[in-house]
Amino acid sequence: MAERPEDLNLPNAVITRIIKEALPDGVNVSKEARRAISQAASVFVLYATSCANNFAMKAKRKTLNAGDVLAAMEEMEFERFMEPLREALEVYKKGQKGKKEVSEQKRKDKEKKTDSENDKSRDEEEEEEHMDEEPEAENEVEEEEVEN
């Protein structure tokens, strides 16, 4: 848990960005107002998390999931945010799926590259072995000729 109350606040840069995106151009927000919004957002996040945690505990789980958060939003009477939240969650899932597919493809490509490099190294080693064997065979032929 947080040791100081300030540790529970969201980063100022994040709050400032959210405020700028929410308001029309040309609207200024005082430091005091940003601080108040930041504290309100932190309280909201903590309350939503607590409610979601209650749903997880009822289900005998220690991990909160999206369903818990959606149920918490409904319990907190924020039904009008449910649909935008579901849509944002869907976009997030699609983005994660895309990242996972890209990561999997990179891993496969890396494995192929490593396998081809290993095959190349084996081929080179075999060539070296053959080169080492050929002089021995030539030496044997030369020894036989010398004996004759």
N, C-alpha and C. Protein backbone atom coordinates (compact mmCIF):
# COMPACT_ATOMS: atom_id res chain seq x y z
N MET A 1 0.83 -1.19 0.00
CA MET A 1 0.00 0.00 0.00
C MET A 1 0.87 1.25 0.00
N ALA A 2 0.25 2.36 -0.21
CA ALA A 2 0.96 3.62 -0.26
C ALA A 2 1.35 4.05 1.15
N GLU A 3 2.55 4.61 1.25
CA GLU A 3 3.03 5.07 2.54
C GLU A 3 2.56 6.49 2.85
N ARG A 4 2.39 7.30 1.80
CA ARG A 4 1.96 8.69 1.97
C ARG A 4 0.71 8.93 1.14
N PRO A 5 -0.15 9.84 1.57
CA PRO A 5 -1.37 10.13 0.78
C PRO A 5 -1.05 10.59 -0.65
N GLU A 6 0.05 11.31 -0.83
CA GLU A 6 0.41 11.80 -2.18
C GLU A 6 0.70 10.65 -3.14
N ASP A 7 1.11 9.50 -2.59
CA ASP A 7 1.42 8.35 -3.43
C ASP A 7 0.18 7.81 -4.14
N LEU A 8 -0.98 8.15 -3.63
CA LEU A 8 -2.23 7.66 -4.20
C LEU A 8 -2.72 8.53 -5.36
N ASN A 9 -2.10 9.68 -5.56
CA ASN A 9 -2.53 10.59 -6.62
C ASN A 9 -2.00 10.13 -7.97
N LEU A 10 -2.78 10.43 -8.99
CA LEU A 10 -2.34 10.14 -10.36
C LEU A 10 -1.28 11.15 -10.76
N PRO A 11 -0.40 10.78 -11.69
CA PRO A 11 0.65 11.72 -12.12
C PRO A 11 0.05 12.99 -12.73
N ASN A 12 0.65 14.14 -12.40
CA ASN A 12 0.15 15.43 -12.90
C ASN A 12 0.14 15.50 -14.42
N ALA A 13 1.15 14.93 -15.05
CA ALA A 13 1.22 14.97 -16.51
C ALA A 13 0.02 14.26 -17.14
N VAL A 14 -0.37 13.15 -16.55
CA VAL A 14 -1.52 12.40 -17.06
C VAL A 14 -2.79 13.23 -16.89
N ILE A 15 -2.97 13.80 -15.72
CA ILE A 15 -4.15 14.61 -15.44
C ILE A 15 -4.21 15.81 -16.40
N THR A 16 -3.09 16.47 -16.58
CA THR A 16 -3.04 17.64 -17.47
C THR A 16 -3.42 17.25 -18.90
N ARG A 17 -2.89 16.11 -19.38
CA ARG A 17 -3.20 15.64 -20.73
C ARG A 17 -4.69 15.34 -20.87
N ILE A 18 -5.26 14.67 -19.88
CA ILE A 18 -6.69 14.34 -19.92
C ILE A 18 -7.54 15.61 -19.94
N ILE A 19 -7.17 16.57 -19.11
CA ILE A 19 -7.91 17.84 -19.06
C ILE A 19 -7.84 18.55 -20.41
N LYS A 20 -6.64 18.62 -21.00
CA LYS A 20 -6.48 19.30 -22.29
C LYS A 20 -7.29 18.64 -23.38
N GLU A 21 -7.36 17.29 -23.37
CA GLU A 21 -8.11 16.57 -24.38
C GLU A 21 -9.62 16.74 -24.19
N ALA A 22 -10.05 16.97 -22.94
CA ALA A 22 -11.48 17.07 -22.65
C ALA A 22 -12.06 18.46 -22.91
N LEU A 23 -11.21 19.47 -22.83
CA LEU A 23 -11.69 20.85 -22.96
C LEU A 23 -11.38 21.42 -24.35
N PRO A 24 -12.19 22.39 -24.79
CA PRO A 24 -11.90 23.03 -26.08
C PRO A 24 -10.61 23.86 -25.99
N ASP A 25 -10.03 24.14 -27.14
CA ASP A 25 -8.82 24.97 -27.19
C ASP A 25 -9.10 26.34 -26.60
N GLY A 26 -8.09 26.88 -25.97
CA GLY A 26 -8.21 28.22 -25.42
C GLY A 26 -8.72 28.27 -23.99
N VAL A 27 -9.14 27.14 -23.44
CA VAL A 27 -9.62 27.11 -22.06
C VAL A 27 -8.44 26.82 -21.16
N ASN A 28 -8.21 27.68 -20.19
CA ASN A 28 -7.12 27.48 -19.24
C ASN A 28 -7.66 26.92 -17.94
N VAL A 29 -6.83 26.12 -17.27
CA VAL A 29 -7.20 25.51 -15.99
C VAL A 29 -6.11 25.87 -14.99
N SER A 30 -6.53 26.41 -13.86
CA SER A 30 -5.56 26.83 -12.84
C SER A 30 -4.91 25.61 -12.19
N LYS A 31 -3.77 25.85 -11.54
CA LYS A 31 -3.07 24.80 -10.82
C LYS A 31 -3.98 24.19 -9.76
N GLU A 32 -4.70 25.07 -9.07
CA GLU A 32 -5.60 24.63 -8.00
C GLU A 32 -6.69 23.71 -8.56
N ALA A 33 -7.24 24.05 -9.71
CA ALA A 33 -8.28 23.23 -10.33
C ALA A 33 -7.70 21.88 -10.77
N ARG A 34 -6.51 21.90 -11.36
CA ARG A 34 -5.85 20.64 -11.77
C ARG A 34 -5.62 19.75 -10.56
N ARG A 35 -5.19 20.34 -9.47
CA ARG A 35 -4.94 19.59 -8.23
C ARG A 35 -6.24 18.98 -7.72
N ALA A 36 -7.32 19.74 -7.74
CA ALA A 36 -8.63 19.24 -7.28
C ALA A 36 -9.12 18.09 -8.17
N ILE A 37 -8.95 18.26 -9.49
CA ILE A 37 -9.35 17.20 -10.42
C ILE A 37 -8.51 15.96 -10.18
N SER A 38 -7.22 16.15 -9.95
CA SER A 38 -6.32 15.03 -9.69
C SER A 38 -6.75 14.26 -8.44
N GLN A 39 -7.05 14.98 -7.39
CA GLN A 39 -7.48 14.33 -6.15
C GLN A 39 -8.83 13.62 -6.34
N ALA A 40 -9.74 14.26 -7.06
CA ALA A 40 -11.04 13.64 -7.32
C ALA A 40 -10.88 12.37 -8.16
N ALA A 41 -10.01 12.42 -9.15
CA ALA A 41 -9.76 11.25 -9.99
C ALA A 41 -9.15 10.11 -9.17
N SER A 42 -8.24 10.46 -8.27
CA SER A 42 -7.62 9.45 -7.41
C SER A 42 -8.65 8.80 -6.50
N VAL A 43 -9.53 9.61 -5.93
CA VAL A 43 -10.59 9.08 -5.06
C VAL A 43 -11.49 8.15 -5.86
N PHE A 44 -11.84 8.57 -7.08
CA PHE A 44 -12.69 7.75 -7.94
C PHE A 44 -12.03 6.41 -8.24
N VAL A 45 -10.77 6.44 -8.59
CA VAL A 45 -10.04 5.20 -8.92
C VAL A 45 -10.00 4.27 -7.70
N LEU A 46 -9.71 4.83 -6.54
CA LEU A 46 -9.66 4.03 -5.32
C LEU A 46 -11.03 3.42 -4.99
N TYR A 47 -12.09 4.22 -5.14
CA TYR A 47 -13.44 3.73 -4.86
C TYR A 47 -13.84 2.64 -5.85
N ALA A 48 -13.58 2.86 -7.13
CA ALA A 48 -13.90 1.87 -8.15
C ALA A 48 -13.12 0.58 -7.91
N THR A 49 -11.86 0.72 -7.53
CA THR A 49 -11.03 -0.45 -7.26
C THR A 49 -11.56 -1.22 -6.06
N SER A 50 -11.96 -0.50 -5.03
CA SER A 50 -12.52 -1.14 -3.83
C SER A 50 -13.80 -1.90 -4.16
N CYS A 51 -14.68 -1.28 -4.93
CA CYS A 51 -15.93 -1.95 -5.34
C CYS A 51 -15.63 -3.18 -6.19
N ALA A 52 -14.73 -3.04 -7.14
CA ALA A 52 -14.36 -4.17 -8.02
C ALA A 52 -13.74 -5.29 -7.18
N ASN A 53 -12.93 -4.92 -6.20
CA ASN A 53 -12.31 -5.92 -5.32
C ASN A 53 -13.38 -6.70 -4.56
N ASN A 54 -14.45 -6.03 -4.16
CA ASN A 54 -15.54 -6.72 -3.46
C ASN A 54 -16.15 -7.81 -4.35
N PHE A 55 -16.31 -7.52 -5.64
CA PHE A 55 -16.84 -8.52 -6.57
C PHE A 55 -15.87 -9.69 -6.72
N ALA A 56 -14.59 -9.39 -6.79
CA ALA A 56 -13.59 -10.46 -6.91
C ALA A 56 -13.58 -11.33 -5.65
N MET A 57 -13.68 -10.69 -4.48
CA MET A 57 -13.69 -11.45 -3.23
C MET A 57 -14.92 -12.33 -3.12
N LYS A 58 -16.08 -11.83 -3.57
CA LYS A 58 -17.31 -12.64 -3.57
C LYS A 58 -17.13 -13.88 -4.43
N ALA A 59 -16.36 -13.73 -5.51
CA ALA A 59 -16.10 -14.84 -6.41
C ALA A 59 -14.89 -15.67 -5.96
N LYS A 60 -14.37 -15.34 -4.78
CA LYS A 60 -13.22 -16.04 -4.19
C LYS A 60 -11.99 -15.99 -5.09
N ARG A 61 -11.75 -14.80 -5.65
CA ARG A 61 -10.57 -14.56 -6.48
C ARG A 61 -9.76 -13.43 -5.87
N LYS A 62 -8.47 -13.45 -6.15
CA LYS A 62 -7.61 -12.37 -5.68
C LYS A 62 -7.28 -11.40 -6.81
N THR A 63 -7.61 -11.77 -8.01
CA THR A 63 -7.30 -10.94 -9.18
C THR A 63 -8.57 -10.26 -9.68
N LEU A 64 -8.49 -8.93 -9.81
CA LEU A 64 -9.62 -8.19 -10.38
C LEU A 64 -9.60 -8.37 -11.89
N ASN A 65 -10.77 -8.50 -12.49
CA ASN A 65 -10.83 -8.57 -13.95
C ASN A 65 -11.79 -7.51 -14.48
N ALA A 66 -11.89 -7.43 -15.78
CA ALA A 66 -12.73 -6.39 -16.39
C ALA A 66 -14.19 -6.52 -15.96
N GLY A 67 -14.67 -7.73 -15.80
CA GLY A 67 -16.04 -7.94 -15.35
C GLY A 67 -16.29 -7.33 -13.98
N ASP A 68 -15.29 -7.44 -13.11
CA ASP A 68 -15.41 -6.85 -11.78
C ASP A 68 -15.52 -5.34 -11.87
N VAL A 69 -14.73 -4.75 -12.74
CA VAL A 69 -14.75 -3.29 -12.90
C VAL A 69 -16.10 -2.85 -13.48
N LEU A 70 -16.59 -3.57 -14.47
CA LEU A 70 -17.89 -3.23 -15.05
C LEU A 70 -19.00 -3.35 -14.01
N ALA A 71 -18.95 -4.40 -13.21
CA ALA A 71 -19.96 -4.57 -12.16
C ALA A 71 -19.85 -3.45 -11.13
N ALA A 72 -18.63 -3.04 -10.81
CA ALA A 72 -18.43 -1.94 -9.86
C ALA A 72 -18.99 -0.65 -10.41
N MET A 73 -18.78 -0.40 -11.69
CA MET A 73 -19.31 0.82 -12.31
C MET A 73 -20.84 0.85 -12.21
N GLU A 74 -21.44 -0.30 -12.44
CA GLU A 74 -22.89 -0.39 -12.35
C GLU A 74 -23.36 -0.17 -10.90
N GLU A 75 -22.65 -0.79 -9.96
CA GLU A 75 -23.00 -0.62 -8.55
C GLU A 75 -22.84 0.83 -8.10
N MET A 76 -21.86 1.51 -8.65
CA MET A 76 -21.61 2.92 -8.30
C MET A 76 -22.56 3.86 -9.04
N GLU A 77 -23.47 3.27 -9.82
CA GLU A 77 -24.47 4.02 -10.58
C GLU A 77 -23.86 4.88 -11.68
N PHE A 78 -22.88 4.31 -12.37
CA PHE A 78 -22.27 4.96 -13.52
C PHE A 78 -22.64 4.19 -14.80
N GLU A 79 -23.92 3.82 -14.90
CA GLU A 79 -24.38 3.02 -16.04
C GLU A 79 -24.11 3.69 -17.38
N ARG A 80 -24.18 5.01 -17.40
CA ARG A 80 -24.01 5.70 -18.69
C ARG A 80 -22.58 5.57 -19.22
N PHE A 81 -21.65 5.16 -18.39
CA PHE A 81 -20.27 4.95 -18.83
C PHE A 81 -20.00 3.50 -19.22
N MET A 82 -20.97 2.64 -19.01
CA MET A 82 -20.77 1.21 -19.26
C MET A 82 -20.44 0.94 -20.73
N GLU A 83 -21.24 1.48 -21.63
CA GLU A 83 -21.02 1.20 -23.06
C GLU A 83 -19.68 1.75 -23.54
N PRO A 84 -19.33 3.01 -23.24
CA PRO A 84 -18.01 3.50 -23.66
C PRO A 84 -16.87 2.68 -23.04
N LEU A 85 -17.08 2.22 -21.81
CA LEU A 85 -16.06 1.40 -21.15
C LEU A 85 -15.91 0.06 -21.86
N ARG A 86 -17.04 -0.55 -22.22
CA ARG A 86 -16.99 -1.83 -22.96
C ARG A 86 -16.29 -1.64 -24.31
N GLU A 87 -16.60 -0.56 -24.98
CA GLU A 87 -15.97 -0.29 -26.28
C GLU A 87 -14.46 -0.09 -26.13
N ALA A 88 -14.07 0.67 -25.11
CA ALA A 88 -12.65 0.90 -24.87
C ALA A 88 -11.95 -0.42 -24.52
N LEU A 89 -12.61 -1.26 -23.77
CA LEU A 89 -12.06 -2.57 -23.41
C LEU A 89 -11.87 -3.43 -24.65
N GLU A 90 -12.83 -3.38 -25.55
CA GLU A 90 -12.74 -4.15 -26.79
C GLU A 90 -11.57 -3.67 -27.65
N VAL A 91 -11.43 -2.37 -27.76
CA VAL A 91 -10.30 -1.80 -28.52
C VAL A 91 -8.98 -2.24 -27.89
N TYR A 92 -8.91 -2.19 -26.56
CA TYR A 92 -7.71 -2.61 -25.84
C TYR A 92 -7.39 -4.09 -26.13
N LYS A 93 -8.41 -4.94 -26.06
CA LYS A 93 -8.21 -6.38 -26.30
C LYS A 93 -7.70 -6.62 -27.72
N LYS A 94 -8.27 -5.92 -28.69
CA LYS A 94 -7.82 -6.07 -30.08
C LYS A 94 -6.38 -5.62 -30.22
N GLY A 95 -6.03 -4.52 -29.57
CA GLY A 95 -4.65 -4.03 -29.61
C GLY A 95 -3.68 -5.03 -28.99
N GLN A 96 -4.09 -5.63 -27.88
CA GLN A 96 -3.24 -6.61 -27.21
C GLN A 96 -3.09 -7.86 -28.07
N LYS A 97 -4.18 -8.25 -28.73
CA LYS A 97 -4.13 -9.43 -29.60
C LYS A 97 -3.16 -9.18 -30.75
N GLY A 98 -3.23 -7.97 -31.32
CA GLY A 98 -2.31 -7.61 -32.40
C GLY A 98 -0.87 -7.62 -31.93
N LYS A 99 -0.62 -7.07 -30.75
CA LYS A 99 0.74 -7.06 -30.20
C LYS A 99 1.23 -8.48 -29.97
N LYS A 100 0.33 -9.34 -29.48
CA LYS A 100 0.69 -10.73 -29.20
C LYS A 100 1.06 -11.44 -30.51
N GLU A 101 0.27 -11.19 -31.55
CA GLU A 101 0.55 -11.82 -32.85
C GLU A 101 1.89 -11.34 -33.41
N VAL A 102 2.17 -10.05 -33.29
CA VAL A 102 3.43 -9.49 -33.77
C VAL A 102 4.59 -10.10 -32.99
N SER A 103 4.42 -10.18 -31.68
CA SER A 103 5.46 -10.75 -30.82
C SER A 103 5.71 -12.21 -31.17
N GLU A 104 4.64 -12.96 -31.39
CA GLU A 104 4.76 -14.37 -31.75
C GLU A 104 5.48 -14.53 -33.09
N GLN A 105 5.15 -13.67 -34.05
CA GLN A 105 5.80 -13.74 -35.35
C GLN A 105 7.29 -13.42 -35.23
N LYS A 106 7.63 -12.41 -34.42
CA LYS A 106 9.04 -12.07 -34.20
C LYS A 106 9.79 -13.25 -33.59
N ARG A 107 9.14 -13.91 -32.62
CA ARG A 107 9.77 -15.06 -31.96
C ARG A 107 10.02 -16.18 -32.97
N LYS A 108 9.02 -16.45 -33.83
CA LYS A 108 9.17 -17.48 -34.84
C LYS A 108 10.28 -17.13 -35.83
N ASP A 109 10.32 -15.86 -36.26
CA ASP A 109 11.37 -15.42 -37.18
C ASP A 109 12.75 -15.58 -36.55
N LYS A 110 12.85 -15.24 -35.28
CA LYS A 110 14.12 -15.36 -34.57
C LYS A 110 14.54 -16.82 -34.48
N GLU A 111 13.57 -17.70 -34.19
CA GLU A 111 13.87 -19.13 -34.13
C GLU A 111 14.35 -19.64 -35.49
N LYS A 112 13.69 -19.21 -36.57
CA LYS A 112 14.10 -19.63 -37.91
C LYS A 112 15.52 -19.17 -38.20
N LYS A 113 15.80 -17.92 -37.84
CA LYS A 113 17.13 -17.35 -38.08
C LYS A 113 18.17 -18.14 -37.29
N THR A 114 17.87 -18.43 -36.03
CA THR A 114 18.79 -19.17 -35.18
C THR A 114 19.00 -20.57 -35.74
N ASP A 115 17.90 -21.22 -36.19
CA ASP A 115 18.00 -22.56 -36.76
C ASP A 115 18.85 -22.55 -38.02
N SER A 116 18.64 -21.54 -38.88
CA SER A 116 19.41 -21.48 -40.13
C SER A 116 20.88 -21.21 -39.83
N GLU A 117 21.15 -20.38 -38.82
CA GLU A 117 22.54 -20.13 -38.44
C GLU A 117 23.18 -21.38 -37.86
N ASN A 118 22.40 -22.14 -37.08
CA ASN A 118 22.92 -23.39 -36.53
C ASN A 118 23.20 -24.39 -37.65
N ASP A 119 22.28 -24.46 -38.63
CA ASP A 119 22.49 -25.35 -39.77
C ASP A 119 23.73 -24.95 -40.54
N LYS A 120 23.92 -23.65 -40.74
CA LYS A 120 25.08 -23.14 -41.46
C LYS A 120 26.36 -23.50 -40.70
N SER A 121 26.32 -23.33 -39.37
CA SER A 121 27.49 -23.67 -38.56
C SER A 121 27.79 -25.15 -38.65
N ARG A 122 26.75 -26.00 -38.63
CA ARG A 122 26.96 -27.45 -38.76
C ARG A 122 27.57 -27.79 -40.11
N ASP A 123 27.05 -27.15 -41.17
CA ASP A 123 27.59 -27.40 -42.51
C ASP A 123 29.07 -27.02 -42.57
N GLU A 124 29.41 -25.87 -41.99
CA GLU A 124 30.81 -25.43 -41.99
C GLU A 124 31.68 -26.40 -41.21
N GLU A 125 31.18 -26.89 -40.07
CA GLU A 125 31.93 -27.85 -39.27
C GLU A 125 32.15 -29.15 -40.04
N GLU A 126 31.09 -29.59 -40.74
CA GLU A 126 31.20 -30.82 -41.53
C GLU A 126 32.22 -30.64 -42.65
N GLU A 127 32.20 -29.46 -43.28
CA GLU A 127 33.18 -29.19 -44.34
C GLU A 127 34.59 -29.23 -43.79
N GLU A 128 34.77 -28.64 -42.62
CA GLU A 128 36.10 -28.65 -42.00
C GLU A 128 36.53 -30.08 -41.68
N GLU A 129 35.59 -30.90 -41.19
CA GLU A 129 35.91 -32.28 -40.88
C GLU A 129 36.31 -33.03 -42.15
N HIS A 130 35.57 -32.79 -43.25
CA HIS A 130 35.90 -33.44 -44.50
C HIS A 130 37.28 -33.00 -45.00
N MET A 131 37.57 -31.73 -44.82
CA MET A 131 38.87 -31.21 -45.25
C MET A 131 39.97 -31.86 -44.41
N ASP A 132 39.72 -32.03 -43.11
CA ASP A 132 40.70 -32.67 -42.25
C ASP A 132 40.86 -34.13 -42.63
N GLU A 133 39.79 -34.82 -43.03
CA GLU A 133 39.86 -36.22 -43.40
C GLU A 133 40.57 -36.42 -44.72
N GLU A 134 40.39 -35.55 -45.68
CA GLU A 134 41.00 -35.71 -47.00
C GLU A 134 42.52 -35.74 -46.94
N PRO A 135 43.17 -34.85 -46.21
CA PRO A 135 44.62 -34.93 -46.14
C PRO A 135 45.09 -36.24 -45.51
N GLU A 136 44.34 -36.76 -44.55
CA GLU A 136 44.72 -38.02 -43.94
C GLU A 136 44.65 -39.13 -44.98
N ALA A 137 43.58 -39.11 -45.79
CA ALA A 137 43.44 -40.13 -46.83
C ALA A 137 44.57 -40.00 -47.84
N GLU A 138 44.94 -38.78 -48.20
CA GLU A 138 46.04 -38.56 -49.14
C GLU A 138 47.35 -39.04 -48.53
N ASN A 139 47.52 -38.79 -47.24
CA ASN A 139 48.74 -39.25 -46.57
C ASN A 139 48.81 -40.77 -46.60
N GLU A 140 47.70 -41.45 -46.42
CA GLU A 140 47.68 -42.91 -46.46
C GLU A 140 48.08 -43.40 -47.84
N VAL A 141 47.57 -42.74 -48.89
CA VAL A 141 47.90 -43.12 -50.26
C VAL A 141 49.39 -42.90 -50.48
N GLU A 142 49.90 -41.78 -50.02
CA GLU A 142 51.31 -41.48 -50.18
C GLU A 142 52.18 -42.48 -49.43
N GLU A 143 51.72 -42.88 -48.22
CA GLU A 143 52.47 -43.87 -47.44
C GLU A 143 52.52 -45.18 -48.16
N GLU A 144 51.38 -45.57 -48.78
CA GLU A 144 51.36 -46.84 -49.52
C GLU A 144 52.30 -46.77 -50.71
N GLU A 145 52.34 -45.64 -51.37
CA GLU A 145 53.22 -45.49 -52.53
C GLU A 145 54.68 -45.57 -52.08
N VAL A 146 54.98 -44.98 -50.95
CA VAL A 146 56.35 -45.00 -50.45
C VAL A 146 56.74 -46.41 -50.08
N GLU A 147 55.83 -47.18 -49.53
CA GLU A 147 56.13 -48.55 -49.14
C GLU A 147 56.36 -49.42 -50.38
N ASN A 148 55.72 -49.16 -51.45
CA ASN A 148 55.85 -49.96 -52.66
C ASN A 148 57.11 -49.62 -53.34
